[in-house]
Amino acid sequence: MGFLYYAEYLHLFERARSAYIRQCGMSYAEIEARGILLPVREATCRYRSPARYDDLLLIRIAIGEWGRASLRFVYEITASDKKKILASGMTQHALIDRSGRPLGVPDWFREVIGQLKQPAEGEPLY
């Protein structure tokens, strides 16, 4: 049909999230090496206008909320001209240890992952 496949938006969210964590100065592998796993508990995507193949997309990402043992990332995908929001969404992640037990958010994790400024309207981070 010439449109970006609907499930691909979740892949874009994941790549943006990895880039965000990297921009904070740590890789996801390093977070896991410190004993924290971040499985997705919930994901939503609201499709507003279709992206087409070969479109240049900008993705804004921010931390929308911290819980006791979770965090939520929020996303906004726009066309490169920033005039139209194509999709918005969120992923909520539990913090668990390797045995699957919930972990409280450690101070070091909140400091590292929360250090980037929240993006201004239209300002891409990825």
PDB file of N, CA and C in Angstrom:
ATOM      1  N   MET A   1       0.819  -1.209   0.000  1.00  0.00           N
ATOM      2  CA  MET A   1       0.000   0.000   0.000  1.00  0.00           C
ATOM      3  C   MET A   1       0.854   1.260   0.000  1.00  0.00           C
ATOM      4  N   GLY A   2       2.151   1.118   0.211  1.00  0.00           N
ATOM      5  CA  GLY A   2       3.013   2.287   0.226  1.00  0.00           C
ATOM      6  C   GLY A   2       3.121   2.976   1.573  1.00  0.00           C
ATOM      7  N   PHE A   3       2.460   2.432   2.605  1.00  0.00           N
ATOM      8  CA  PHE A   3       2.504   3.019   3.938  1.00  0.00           C
ATOM      9  C   PHE A   3       3.398   2.196   4.850  1.00  0.00           C
ATOM     10  N   LEU A   4       3.937   2.848   5.849  1.00  0.00           N
ATOM     11  CA  LEU A   4       4.724   2.152   6.849  1.00  0.00           C
ATOM     12  C   LEU A   4       3.813   1.171   7.591  1.00  0.00           C
ATOM     13  N   TYR A   5       4.246  -0.072   7.703  1.00  0.00           N
ATOM     14  CA  TYR A   5       3.477  -1.122   8.371  1.00  0.00           C
ATOM     15  C   TYR A   5       3.216  -0.719   9.821  1.00  0.00           C
ATOM     16  N   TYR A   6       1.987  -0.918  10.275  1.00  0.00           N
ATOM     17  CA  TYR A   6       1.577  -0.408  11.585  1.00  0.00           C
ATOM     18  C   TYR A   6       2.456  -0.899  12.735  1.00  0.00           C
ATOM     19  N   ALA A   7       2.891  -2.156  12.717  1.00  0.00           N
ATOM     20  CA  ALA A   7       3.703  -2.687  13.814  1.00  0.00           C
ATOM     21  C   ALA A   7       5.119  -2.110  13.819  1.00  0.00           C
ATOM     22  N   GLU A   8       5.543  -1.559  12.703  1.00  0.00           N
ATOM     23  CA  GLU A   8       6.883  -0.978  12.624  1.00  0.00           C
ATOM     24  C   GLU A   8       7.034   0.226  13.553  1.00  0.00           C
ATOM     25  N   TYR A   9       5.926   0.882  13.887  1.00  0.00           N
ATOM     26  CA  TYR A   9       6.002   2.024  14.801  1.00  0.00           C
ATOM     27  C   TYR A   9       6.555   1.606  16.158  1.00  0.00           C
ATOM     28  N   LEU A  10       6.206   0.418  16.628  1.00  0.00           N
ATOM     29  CA  LEU A  10       6.757  -0.060  17.896  1.00  0.00           C
ATOM     30  C   LEU A  10       8.257  -0.318  17.778  1.00  0.00           C
ATOM     31  N   HIS A  11       8.711  -0.756  16.614  1.00  0.00           N
ATOM     32  CA  HIS A  11      10.159  -0.898  16.393  1.00  0.00           C
ATOM     33  C   HIS A  11      10.837   0.468  16.423  1.00  0.00           C
ATOM     34  N   LEU A  12      10.188   1.469  15.867  1.00  0.00           N
ATOM     35  CA  LEU A  12      10.751   2.825  15.916  1.00  0.00           C
ATOM     36  C   LEU A  12      10.839   3.313  17.359  1.00  0.00           C
ATOM     37  N   PHE A  13       9.808   3.024  18.155  1.00  0.00           N
ATOM     38  CA  PHE A  13       9.854   3.391  19.569  1.00  0.00           C
ATOM     39  C   PHE A  13      11.045   2.726  20.250  1.00  0.00           C
ATOM     40  N   GLU A  14      11.252   1.448  19.966  1.00  0.00           N
ATOM     41  CA  GLU A  14      12.357   0.718  20.589  1.00  0.00           C
ATOM     42  C   GLU A  14      13.708   1.306  20.200  1.00  0.00           C
ATOM     43  N   ARG A  15      13.889   1.609  18.934  1.00  0.00           N
ATOM     44  CA  ARG A  15      15.163   2.182  18.493  1.00  0.00           C
ATOM     45  C   ARG A  15      15.375   3.570  19.099  1.00  0.00           C
ATOM     46  N   ALA A  16      14.319   4.339  19.204  1.00  0.00           N
ATOM     47  CA  ALA A  16      14.430   5.661  19.829  1.00  0.00           C
ATOM     48  C   ALA A  16      14.795   5.522  21.307  1.00  0.00           C
ATOM     49  N   ARG A  17      14.200   4.546  21.968  1.00  0.00           N
ATOM     50  CA  ARG A  17      14.485   4.306  23.387  1.00  0.00           C
ATOM     51  C   ARG A  17      15.948   3.913  23.583  1.00  0.00           C
ATOM     52  N   SER A  18      16.452   3.048  22.732  1.00  0.00           N
ATOM     53  CA  SER A  18      17.867   2.660  22.821  1.00  0.00           C
ATOM     54  C   SER A  18      18.777   3.854  22.596  1.00  0.00           C
ATOM     55  N   ALA A  19      18.438   4.687  21.617  1.00  0.00           N
ATOM     56  CA  ALA A  19      19.240   5.880  21.350  1.00  0.00           C
ATOM     57  C   ALA A  19      19.187   6.849  22.528  1.00  0.00           C
ATOM     58  N   TYR A  20      18.019   6.993  23.131  1.00  0.00           N
ATOM     59  CA  TYR A  20      17.863   7.860  24.304  1.00  0.00           C
ATOM     60  C   TYR A  20      18.770   7.393  25.440  1.00  0.00           C
ATOM     61  N   ILE A  21      18.722   6.085  25.721  1.00  0.00           N
ATOM     62  CA  ILE A  21      19.549   5.537  26.799  1.00  0.00           C
ATOM     63  C   ILE A  21      21.030   5.755  26.483  1.00  0.00           C
ATOM     64  N   ARG A  22      21.412   5.548  25.229  1.00  0.00           N
ATOM     65  CA  ARG A  22      22.797   5.773  24.809  1.00  0.00           C
ATOM     66  C   ARG A  22      23.192   7.236  25.000  1.00  0.00           C
ATOM     67  N   GLN A  23      22.288   8.154  24.676  1.00  0.00           N
ATOM     68  CA  GLN A  23      22.586   9.578  24.858  1.00  0.00           C
ATOM     69  C   GLN A  23      22.738   9.942  26.327  1.00  0.00           C
ATOM     70  N   CYS A  24      22.173   9.127  27.198  1.00  0.00           N
ATOM     71  CA  CYS A  24      22.339   9.336  28.640  1.00  0.00           C
ATOM     72  C   CYS A  24      23.702   8.850  29.119  1.00  0.00           C
ATOM     73  N   GLY A  25      24.449   8.182  28.236  1.00  0.00           N
ATOM     74  CA  GLY A  25      25.793   7.753  28.579  1.00  0.00           C
ATOM     75  C   GLY A  25      25.914   6.302  28.981  1.00  0.00           C
ATOM     76  N   MET A  26      24.883   5.510  28.701  1.00  0.00           N
ATOM     77  CA  MET A  26      24.910   4.109  29.083  1.00  0.00           C
ATOM     78  C   MET A  26      24.176   3.312  28.014  1.00  0.00           C
ATOM     79  N   SER A  27      24.604   2.101  27.778  1.00  0.00           N
ATOM     80  CA  SER A  27      23.878   1.244  26.843  1.00  0.00           C
ATOM     81  C   SER A  27      22.893   0.376  27.626  1.00  0.00           C
ATOM     82  N   TYR A  28      21.933  -0.179  26.904  1.00  0.00           N
ATOM     83  CA  TYR A  28      21.002  -1.094  27.566  1.00  0.00           C
ATOM     84  C   TYR A  28      21.736  -2.320  28.102  1.00  0.00           C
ATOM     85  N   ALA A  29      22.767  -2.757  27.389  1.00  0.00           N
ATOM     86  CA  ALA A  29      23.564  -3.893  27.852  1.00  0.00           C
ATOM     87  C   ALA A  29      24.209  -3.587  29.205  1.00  0.00           C
ATOM     88  N   GLU A  30      24.658  -2.354  29.402  1.00  0.00           N
ATOM     89  CA  GLU A  30      25.255  -1.970  30.685  1.00  0.00           C
ATOM     90  C   GLU A  30      24.218  -1.971  31.809  1.00  0.00           C
ATOM     91  N   ILE A  31      22.995  -1.556  31.475  1.00  0.00           N
ATOM     92  CA  ILE A  31      21.922  -1.578  32.472  1.00  0.00           C
ATOM     93  C   ILE A  31      21.667  -3.024  32.897  1.00  0.00           C
ATOM     94  N   GLU A  32      21.596  -3.924  31.921  1.00  0.00           N
ATOM     95  CA  GLU A  32      21.397  -5.340  32.241  1.00  0.00           C
ATOM     96  C   GLU A  32      22.570  -5.896  33.046  1.00  0.00           C
ATOM     97  N   ALA A  33      23.795  -5.476  32.705  1.00  0.00           N
ATOM     98  CA  ALA A  33      24.969  -5.947  33.442  1.00  0.00           C
ATOM     99  C   ALA A  33      24.914  -5.516  34.907  1.00  0.00           C
ATOM    100  N   ARG A  34      24.219  -4.416  35.178  1.00  0.00           N
ATOM    101  CA  ARG A  34      24.053  -3.956  36.559  1.00  0.00           C
ATOM    102  C   ARG A  34      22.847  -4.606  37.236  1.00  0.00           C
ATOM    103  N   GLY A  35      22.203  -5.543  36.538  1.00  0.00           N
ATOM    104  CA  GLY A  35      21.150  -6.322  37.171  1.00  0.00           C
ATOM    105  C   GLY A  35      19.728  -5.835  36.963  1.00  0.00           C
ATOM    106  N   ILE A  36      19.518  -4.912  36.037  1.00  0.00           N
ATOM    107  CA  ILE A  36      18.172  -4.399  35.781  1.00  0.00           C
ATOM    108  C   ILE A  36      17.718  -4.821  34.390  1.00  0.00           C
ATOM    109  N   LEU A  37      16.547  -5.438  34.333  1.00  0.00           N
ATOM    110  CA  LEU A  37      15.893  -5.750  33.066  1.00  0.00           C
ATOM    111  C   LEU A  37      14.663  -4.862  32.954  1.00  0.00           C
ATOM    112  N   LEU A  38      14.331  -4.467  31.735  1.00  0.00           N
ATOM    113  CA  LEU A  38      13.234  -3.522  31.507  1.00  0.00           C
ATOM    114  C   LEU A  38      12.188  -4.092  30.539  1.00  0.00           C
ATOM    115  N   PRO A  39      11.479  -5.141  30.902  1.00  0.00           N
ATOM    116  CA  PRO A  39      10.475  -5.661  29.979  1.00  0.00           C
ATOM    117  C   PRO A  39       9.326  -4.666  29.788  1.00  0.00           C
ATOM    118  N   VAL A  40       8.772  -4.677  28.606  1.00  0.00           N
ATOM    119  CA  VAL A  40       7.626  -3.816  28.313  1.00  0.00           C
ATOM    120  C   VAL A  40       6.387  -4.443  28.942  1.00  0.00           C
ATOM    121  N   ARG A  41       5.681  -3.664  29.745  1.00  0.00           N
ATOM    122  CA  ARG A  41       4.426  -4.120  30.365  1.00  0.00           C
ATOM    123  C   ARG A  41       3.212  -3.691  29.564  1.00  0.00           C
ATOM    124  N   GLU A  42       3.374  -2.583  28.876  1.00  0.00           N
ATOM    125  CA  GLU A  42       2.252  -2.049  28.111  1.00  0.00           C
ATOM    126  C   GLU A  42       2.817  -1.171  27.008  1.00  0.00           C
ATOM    127  N   ALA A  43       2.152  -1.169  25.865  1.00  0.00           N
ATOM    128  CA  ALA A  43       2.558  -0.307  24.746  1.00  0.00           C
ATOM    129  C   ALA A  43       1.294   0.182  24.050  1.00  0.00           C
ATOM    130  N   THR A  44       1.315   1.449  23.685  1.00  0.00           N
ATOM    131  CA  THR A  44       0.213   1.999  22.903  1.00  0.00           C
ATOM    132  C   THR A  44       0.787   2.820  21.761  1.00  0.00           C
ATOM    133  N   CYS A  45       0.023   2.905  20.708  1.00  0.00           N
ATOM    134  CA  CYS A  45       0.388   3.751  19.578  1.00  0.00           C
ATOM    135  C   CYS A  45      -0.897   4.309  18.984  1.00  0.00           C
ATOM    136  N   ARG A  46      -0.952   5.601  18.864  1.00  0.00           N
ATOM    137  CA  ARG A  46      -2.085   6.243  18.207  1.00  0.00           C
ATOM    138  C   ARG A  46      -1.608   6.719  16.849  1.00  0.00           C
ATOM    139  N   TYR A  47      -2.216   6.174  15.821  1.00  0.00           N
ATOM    140  CA  TYR A  47      -1.849   6.513  14.451  1.00  0.00           C
ATOM    141  C   TYR A  47      -2.690   7.706  14.010  1.00  0.00           C
ATOM    142  N   ARG A  48      -2.024   8.769  13.631  1.00  0.00           N
ATOM    143  CA  ARG A  48      -2.740   9.989  13.270  1.00  0.00           C
ATOM    144  C   ARG A  48      -2.737  10.248  11.772  1.00  0.00           C
ATOM    145  N   SER A  49      -1.618   9.955  11.158  1.00  0.00           N
ATOM    146  CA  SER A  49      -1.475  10.172   9.716  1.00  0.00           C
ATOM    147  C   SER A  49      -0.409   9.199   9.230  1.00  0.00           C
ATOM    148  N   PRO A  50      -0.595   8.598   8.080  1.00  0.00           N
ATOM    149  CA  PRO A  50       0.357   7.546   7.682  1.00  0.00           C
ATOM    150  C   PRO A  50       1.726   8.083   7.261  1.00  0.00           C
ATOM    151  N   ALA A  51       2.734   7.329   7.644  1.00  0.00           N
ATOM    152  CA  ALA A  51       4.073   7.555   7.104  1.00  0.00           C
ATOM    153  C   ALA A  51       4.180   6.684   5.860  1.00  0.00           C
ATOM    154  N   ARG A  52       4.935   7.151   4.917  1.00  0.00           N
ATOM    155  CA  ARG A  52       5.113   6.408   3.669  1.00  0.00           C
ATOM    156  C   ARG A  52       6.548   5.904   3.614  1.00  0.00           C
ATOM    157  N   TYR A  53       6.759   4.882   2.803  1.00  0.00           N
ATOM    158  CA  TYR A  53       8.109   4.371   2.630  1.00  0.00           C
ATOM    159  C   TYR A  53       9.018   5.500   2.174  1.00  0.00           C
ATOM    160  N   ASP A  54      10.226   5.506   2.702  1.00  0.00           N
ATOM    161  CA  ASP A  54      11.262   6.494   2.402  1.00  0.00           C
ATOM    162  C   ASP A  54      11.034   7.856   3.034  1.00  0.00           C
ATOM    163  N   ASP A  55       9.965   8.040   3.822  1.00  0.00           N
ATOM    164  CA  ASP A  55       9.799   9.299   4.547  1.00  0.00           C
ATOM    165  C   ASP A  55      10.904   9.421   5.590  1.00  0.00           C
ATOM    166  N   LEU A  56      11.419  10.611   5.758  1.00  0.00           N
ATOM    167  CA  LEU A  56      12.344  10.896   6.852  1.00  0.00           C
ATOM    168  C   LEU A  56      11.491  11.250   8.058  1.00  0.00           C
ATOM    169  N   LEU A  57      11.675  10.507   9.149  1.00  0.00           N
ATOM    170  CA  LEU A  57      10.862  10.696  10.336  1.00  0.00           C
ATOM    171  C   LEU A  57      11.712  11.207  11.487  1.00  0.00           C
ATOM    172  N   LEU A  58      11.111  12.014  12.325  1.00  0.00           N
ATOM    173  CA  LEU A  58      11.749  12.488  13.549  1.00  0.00           C
ATOM    174  C   LEU A  58      10.968  11.915  14.720  1.00  0.00           C
ATOM    175  N   ILE A  59      11.690  11.459  15.729  1.00  0.00           N
ATOM    176  CA  ILE A  59      11.042  10.853  16.881  1.00  0.00           C
ATOM    177  C   ILE A  59      11.473  11.607  18.131  1.00  0.00           C
ATOM    178  N   ARG A  60      10.491  12.123  18.837  1.00  0.00           N
ATOM    179  CA  ARG A  60      10.742  12.750  20.142  1.00  0.00           C
ATOM    180  C   ARG A  60      10.442  11.706  21.202  1.00  0.00           C
ATOM    181  N   ILE A  61      11.269  11.654  22.219  1.00  0.00           N
ATOM    182  CA  ILE A  61      11.082  10.696  23.305  1.00  0.00           C
ATOM    183  C   ILE A  61      11.388  11.395  24.619  1.00  0.00           C
ATOM    184  N   ALA A  62      10.651  11.027  25.635  1.00  0.00           N
ATOM    185  CA  ALA A  62      10.876  11.573  26.967  1.00  0.00           C
ATOM    186  C   ALA A  62      10.392  10.548  27.987  1.00  0.00           C
ATOM    187  N   ILE A  63      10.817  10.725  29.208  1.00  0.00           N
ATOM    188  CA  ILE A  63      10.264   9.911  30.286  1.00  0.00           C
ATOM    189  C   ILE A  63       8.994  10.603  30.736  1.00  0.00           C
ATOM    190  N   GLY A  64       7.895   9.878  30.628  1.00  0.00           N
ATOM    191  CA  GLY A  64       6.606  10.449  30.979  1.00  0.00           C
ATOM    192  C   GLY A  64       6.258  10.289  32.440  1.00  0.00           C
ATOM    193  N   GLU A  65       6.794   9.242  33.068  1.00  0.00           N
ATOM    194  CA  GLU A  65       6.422   8.977  34.455  1.00  0.00           C
ATOM    195  C   GLU A  65       7.374   7.958  35.059  1.00  0.00           C
ATOM    196  N   TRP A  66       7.706   8.185  36.328  1.00  0.00           N
ATOM    197  CA  TRP A  66       8.463   7.212  37.109  1.00  0.00           C
ATOM    198  C   TRP A  66       7.516   6.573  38.115  1.00  0.00           C
ATOM    199  N   GLY A  67       7.550   5.267  38.230  1.00  0.00           N
ATOM    200  CA  GLY A  67       6.831   4.568  39.281  1.00  0.00           C
ATOM    201  C   GLY A  67       7.823   4.054  40.302  1.00  0.00           C
ATOM    202  N   ARG A  68       7.338   3.309  41.288  1.00  0.00           N
ATOM    203  CA  ARG A  68       8.254   2.750  42.297  1.00  0.00           C
ATOM    204  C   ARG A  68       9.178   1.706  41.693  1.00  0.00           C
ATOM    205  N   ALA A  69       8.644   0.920  40.746  1.00  0.00           N
ATOM    206  CA  ALA A  69       9.431  -0.138  40.108  1.00  0.00           C
ATOM    207  C   ALA A  69       9.152  -0.160  38.605  1.00  0.00           C
ATOM    208  N   SER A  70       8.940   1.027  38.049  1.00  0.00           N
ATOM    209  CA  SER A  70       8.611   1.114  36.621  1.00  0.00           C
ATOM    210  C   SER A  70       8.936   2.500  36.097  1.00  0.00           C
ATOM    211  N   LEU A  71       8.909   2.622  34.779  1.00  0.00           N
ATOM    212  CA  LEU A  71       8.990   3.927  34.143  1.00  0.00           C
ATOM    213  C   LEU A  71       8.231   3.872  32.827  1.00  0.00           C
ATOM    214  N   ARG A  72       7.800   5.030  32.389  1.00  0.00           N
ATOM    215  CA  ARG A  72       7.052   5.138  31.145  1.00  0.00           C
ATOM    216  C   ARG A  72       7.775   6.107  30.217  1.00  0.00           C
ATOM    217  N   PHE A  73       8.004   5.644  28.984  1.00  0.00           N
ATOM    218  CA  PHE A  73       8.535   6.499  27.932  1.00  0.00           C
ATOM    219  C   PHE A  73       7.365   6.942  27.058  1.00  0.00           C
ATOM    220  N   VAL A  74       7.410   8.188  26.613  1.00  0.00           N
ATOM    221  CA  VAL A  74       6.407   8.692  25.680  1.00  0.00           C
ATOM    222  C   VAL A  74       7.112   9.082  24.390  1.00  0.00           C
ATOM    223  N   TYR A  75       6.402   8.928  23.284  1.00  0.00           N
ATOM    224  CA  TYR A  75       6.992   9.112  21.961  1.00  0.00           C
ATOM    225  C   TYR A  75       6.068   9.945  21.084  1.00  0.00           C
ATOM    226  N   GLU A  76       6.688  10.671  20.165  1.00  0.00           N
ATOM    227  CA  GLU A  76       5.943  11.390  19.142  1.00  0.00           C
ATOM    228  C   GLU A  76       6.735  11.299  17.850  1.00  0.00           C
ATOM    229  N   ILE A  77       6.096  10.820  16.809  1.00  0.00           N
ATOM    230  CA  ILE A  77       6.735  10.683  15.502  1.00  0.00           C
ATOM    231  C   ILE A  77       6.140  11.735  14.583  1.00  0.00           C
ATOM    232  N   THR A  78       7.012  12.506  13.964  1.00  0.00           N
ATOM    233  CA  THR A  78       6.578  13.520  13.012  1.00  0.00           C
ATOM    234  C   THR A  78       7.310  13.336  11.694  1.00  0.00           C
ATOM    235  N   ALA A  79       6.746  13.955  10.672  1.00  0.00           N
ATOM    236  CA  ALA A  79       7.466  14.028   9.405  1.00  0.00           C
ATOM    237  C   ALA A  79       8.657  14.958   9.610  1.00  0.00           C
ATOM    238  N   SER A  80       9.621  14.887   8.729  1.00  0.00           N
ATOM    239  CA  SER A  80      10.855  15.673   8.915  1.00  0.00           C
ATOM    240  C   SER A  80      10.608  17.178   8.953  1.00  0.00           C
ATOM    241  N   ASP A  81       9.528  17.635   8.353  1.00  0.00           N
ATOM    242  CA  ASP A  81       9.245  19.074   8.393  1.00  0.00           C
ATOM    243  C   ASP A  81       8.580  19.497   9.702  1.00  0.00           C
ATOM    244  N   LYS A  82       8.299  18.540  10.579  1.00  0.00           N
ATOM    245  CA  LYS A  82       7.731  18.766  11.912  1.00  0.00           C
ATOM    246  C   LYS A  82       6.339  19.387  11.875  1.00  0.00           C
ATOM    247  N   LYS A  83       5.693  19.406  10.727  1.00  0.00           N
ATOM    248  CA  LYS A  83       4.384  20.053  10.615  1.00  0.00           C
ATOM    249  C   LYS A  83       3.235  19.138  11.008  1.00  0.00           C
ATOM    250  N   LYS A  84       3.467  17.829  10.964  1.00  0.00           N
ATOM    251  CA  LYS A  84       2.372  16.897  11.190  1.00  0.00           C
ATOM    252  C   LYS A  84       2.818  15.776  12.101  1.00  0.00           C
ATOM    253  N   ILE A  85       2.041  15.542  13.151  1.00  0.00           N
ATOM    254  CA  ILE A  85       2.289  14.391  14.010  1.00  0.00           C
ATOM    255  C   ILE A  85       1.713  13.171  13.312  1.00  0.00           C
ATOM    256  N   LEU A  86       2.568  12.192  13.094  1.00  0.00           N
ATOM    257  CA  LEU A  86       2.135  10.967  12.428  1.00  0.00           C
ATOM    258  C   LEU A  86       1.647   9.919  13.424  1.00  0.00           C
ATOM    259  N   ALA A  87       2.296   9.857  14.572  1.00  0.00           N
ATOM    260  CA  ALA A  87       1.913   8.886  15.586  1.00  0.00           C
ATOM    261  C   ALA A  87       2.428   9.342  16.941  1.00  0.00           C
ATOM    262  N   SER A  88       1.756   8.911  17.971  1.00  0.00           N
ATOM    263  CA  SER A  88       2.230   9.149  19.334  1.00  0.00           C
ATOM    264  C   SER A  88       1.963   7.878  20.123  1.00  0.00           C
ATOM    265  N   GLY A  89       2.706   7.703  21.190  1.00  0.00           N
ATOM    266  CA  GLY A  89       2.504   6.488  21.958  1.00  0.00           C
ATOM    267  C   GLY A  89       3.320   6.470  23.227  1.00  0.00           C
ATOM    268  N   MET A  90       3.293   5.324  23.867  1.00  0.00           N
ATOM    269  CA  MET A  90       4.058   5.146  25.102  1.00  0.00           C
ATOM    270  C   MET A  90       4.379   3.677  25.277  1.00  0.00           C
ATOM    271  N   THR A  91       5.436   3.442  26.045  1.00  0.00           N
ATOM    272  CA  THR A  91       5.748   2.101  26.524  1.00  0.00           C
ATOM    273  C   THR A  91       6.000   2.207  28.017  1.00  0.00           C
ATOM    274  N   GLN A  92       5.388   1.300  28.766  1.00  0.00           N
ATOM    275  CA  GLN A  92       5.632   1.240  30.202  1.00  0.00           C
ATOM    276  C   GLN A  92       6.491   0.017  30.468  1.00  0.00           C
ATOM    277  N   HIS A  93       7.524   0.204  31.272  1.00  0.00           N
ATOM    278  CA  HIS A  93       8.503  -0.844  31.542  1.00  0.00           C
ATOM    279  C   HIS A  93       8.579  -1.131  33.030  1.00  0.00           C
ATOM    280  N   ALA A  94       8.568  -2.403  33.371  1.00  0.00           N
ATOM    281  CA  ALA A  94       8.837  -2.816  34.741  1.00  0.00           C
ATOM    282  C   ALA A  94      10.351  -2.864  34.922  1.00  0.00           C
ATOM    283  N   LEU A  95      10.807  -2.653  36.123  1.00  0.00           N
ATOM    284  CA  LEU A  95      12.205  -2.899  36.480  1.00  0.00           C
ATOM    285  C   LEU A  95      12.209  -4.204  37.257  1.00  0.00           C
ATOM    286  N   ILE A  96      12.895  -5.206  36.719  1.00  0.00           N
ATOM    287  CA  ILE A  96      12.955  -6.498  37.386  1.00  0.00           C
ATOM    288  C   ILE A  96      14.400  -6.981  37.438  1.00  0.00           C
ATOM    289  N   ASP A  97      14.648  -7.923  38.351  1.00  0.00           N
ATOM    290  CA  ASP A  97      15.961  -8.557  38.395  1.00  0.00           C
ATOM    291  C   ASP A  97      15.930  -9.793  37.497  1.00  0.00           C
ATOM    292  N   ARG A  98      17.026 -10.505  37.443  1.00  0.00           N
ATOM    293  CA  ARG A  98      17.125 -11.659  36.534  1.00  0.00           C
ATOM    294  C   ARG A  98      16.166 -12.798  36.899  1.00  0.00           C
ATOM    295  N   SER A  99      15.708 -12.825  38.124  1.00  0.00           N
ATOM    296  CA  SER A  99      14.746 -13.860  38.518  1.00  0.00           C
ATOM    297  C   SER A  99      13.303 -13.421  38.249  1.00  0.00           C
ATOM    298  N   GLY A 100      13.121 -12.197  37.746  1.00  0.00           N
ATOM    299  CA  GLY A 100      11.787 -11.714  37.422  1.00  0.00           C
ATOM    300  C   GLY A 100      11.090 -10.970  38.542  1.00  0.00           C
ATOM    301  N   ARG A 101      11.809 -10.704  39.616  1.00  0.00           N
ATOM    302  CA  ARG A 101      11.216  -9.983  40.745  1.00  0.00           C
ATOM    303  C   ARG A 101      11.324  -8.474  40.538  1.00  0.00           C
ATOM    304  N   PRO A 102      10.286  -7.740  40.916  1.00  0.00           N
ATOM    305  CA  PRO A 102      10.317  -6.278  40.766  1.00  0.00           C
ATOM    306  C   PRO A 102      11.452  -5.659  41.577  1.00  0.00           C
ATOM    307  N   LEU A 103      12.028  -4.613  41.000  1.00  0.00           N
ATOM    308  CA  LEU A 103      13.085  -3.847  41.670  1.00  0.00           C
ATOM    309  C   LEU A 103      12.599  -2.411  41.846  1.00  0.00           C
ATOM    310  N   GLY A 104      12.861  -1.840  42.988  1.00  0.00           N
ATOM    311  CA  GLY A 104      12.651  -0.410  43.128  1.00  0.00           C
ATOM    312  C   GLY A 104      13.635   0.316  42.232  1.00  0.00           C
ATOM    313  N   VAL A 105      13.256   1.491  41.756  1.00  0.00           N
ATOM    314  CA  VAL A 105      14.139   2.247  40.863  1.00  0.00           C
ATOM    315  C   VAL A 105      15.351   2.727  41.653  1.00  0.00           C
ATOM    316  N   PRO A 106      16.551   2.235  41.327  1.00  0.00           N
ATOM    317  CA  PRO A 106      17.746   2.694  42.039  1.00  0.00           C
ATOM    318  C   PRO A 106      18.061   4.157  41.710  1.00  0.00           C
ATOM    319  N   ASP A 107      18.633   4.847  42.671  1.00  0.00           N
ATOM    320  CA  ASP A 107      18.986   6.259  42.458  1.00  0.00           C
ATOM    321  C   ASP A 107      19.899   6.437  41.255  1.00  0.00           C
ATOM    322  N   TRP A 108      20.905   5.531  41.101  1.00  0.00           N
ATOM    323  CA  TRP A 108      21.846   5.689  39.983  1.00  0.00           C
ATOM    324  C   TRP A 108      21.116   5.580  38.645  1.00  0.00           C
ATOM    325  N   PHE A 109      20.115   4.705  38.561  1.00  0.00           N
ATOM    326  CA  PHE A 109      19.371   4.522  37.319  1.00  0.00           C
ATOM    327  C   PHE A 109      18.544   5.775  37.008  1.00  0.00           C
ATOM    328  N   ARG A 110      17.872   6.301  37.997  1.00  0.00           N
ATOM    329  CA  ARG A 110      17.070   7.516  37.805  1.00  0.00           C
ATOM    330  C   ARG A 110      17.964   8.690  37.389  1.00  0.00           C
ATOM    331  N   GLU A 111      19.145   8.783  37.990  1.00  0.00           N
ATOM    332  CA  GLU A 111      20.069   9.864  37.636  1.00  0.00           C
ATOM    333  C   GLU A 111      20.561   9.727  36.199  1.00  0.00           C
ATOM    334  N   VAL A 112      20.955   8.522  35.814  1.00  0.00           N
ATOM    335  CA  VAL A 112      21.492   8.315  34.467  1.00  0.00           C
ATOM    336  C   VAL A 112      20.410   8.488  33.411  1.00  0.00           C
ATOM    337  N   ILE A 113      19.292   7.794  33.558  1.00  0.00           N
ATOM    338  CA  ILE A 113      18.257   7.795  32.536  1.00  0.00           C
ATOM    339  C   ILE A 113      17.452   9.091  32.551  1.00  0.00           C
ATOM    340  N   GLY A 114      17.373   9.744  33.676  1.00  0.00           N
ATOM    341  CA  GLY A 114      16.608  10.986  33.759  1.00  0.00           C
ATOM    342  C   GLY A 114      17.416  12.243  33.522  1.00  0.00           C
ATOM    343  N   GLN A 115      18.678  12.100  33.099  1.00  0.00           N
ATOM    344  CA  GLN A 115      19.534  13.279  32.999  1.00  0.00           C
ATOM    345  C   GLN A 115      19.281  14.145  31.776  1.00  0.00           C
ATOM    346  N   LEU A 116      18.718  13.585  30.708  1.00  0.00           N
ATOM    347  CA  LEU A 116      18.468  14.393  29.517  1.00  0.00           C
ATOM    348  C   LEU A 116      17.317  15.343  29.775  1.00  0.00           C
ATOM    349  N   LYS A 117      17.445  16.528  29.261  1.00  0.00           N
ATOM    350  CA  LYS A 117      16.345  17.476  29.409  1.00  0.00           C
ATOM    351  C   LYS A 117      15.147  16.981  28.614  1.00  0.00           C
ATOM    352  N   GLN A 118      13.983  17.316  29.081  1.00  0.00           N
ATOM    353  CA  GLN A 118      12.785  16.938  28.348  1.00  0.00           C
ATOM    354  C   GLN A 118      12.740  17.774  27.068  1.00  0.00           C
ATOM    355  N   PRO A 119      12.382  17.164  25.956  1.00  0.00           N
ATOM    356  CA  PRO A 119      12.431  17.882  24.690  1.00  0.00           C
ATOM    357  C   PRO A 119      11.361  18.971  24.583  1.00  0.00           C
ATOM    358  N   ALA A 120      11.739  20.063  23.980  1.00  0.00           N
ATOM    359  CA  ALA A 120      10.771  21.122  23.674  1.00  0.00           C
ATOM    360  C   ALA A 120       9.908  20.660  22.522  1.00  0.00           C
ATOM    361  N   GLU A 121       8.773  21.283  22.345  1.00  0.00           N
ATOM    362  CA  GLU A 121       7.876  20.936  21.255  1.00  0.00           C
ATOM    363  C   GLU A 121       8.630  20.965  19.928  1.00  0.00           C
ATOM    364  N   GLY A 122       8.547  19.873  19.200  1.00  0.00           N
ATOM    365  CA  GLY A 122       9.179  19.803  17.888  1.00  0.00           C
ATOM    366  C   GLY A 122      10.663  19.502  17.899  1.00  0.00           C
ATOM    367  N   GLU A 123      11.255  19.326  19.064  1.00  0.00           N
ATOM    368  CA  GLU A 123      12.691  19.068  19.143  1.00  0.00           C
ATOM    369  C   GLU A 123      12.950  17.558  19.169  1.00  0.00           C
ATOM    370  N   PRO A 124      13.579  17.004  18.134  1.00  0.00           N
ATOM    371  CA  PRO A 124      13.817  15.563  18.130  1.00  0.00           C
ATOM    372  C   PRO A 124      15.033  15.196  18.974  1.00  0.00           C
ATOM    373  N   LEU A 125      14.973  14.011  19.553  1.00  0.00           N
ATOM    374  CA  LEU A 125      16.136  13.472  20.252  1.00  0.00           C
ATOM    375  C   LEU A 125      16.739  12.322  19.480  1.00  0.00           C
ATOM    376  N   TYR A 126      16.059  11.831  18.504  1.00  0.00           N
ATOM    377  CA  TYR A 126      16.530  10.679  17.734  1.00  0.00           C
ATOM    378  C   TYR A 126      16.327  10.960  16.263  1.00  0.00           C
TER     379      TYR A 126
END
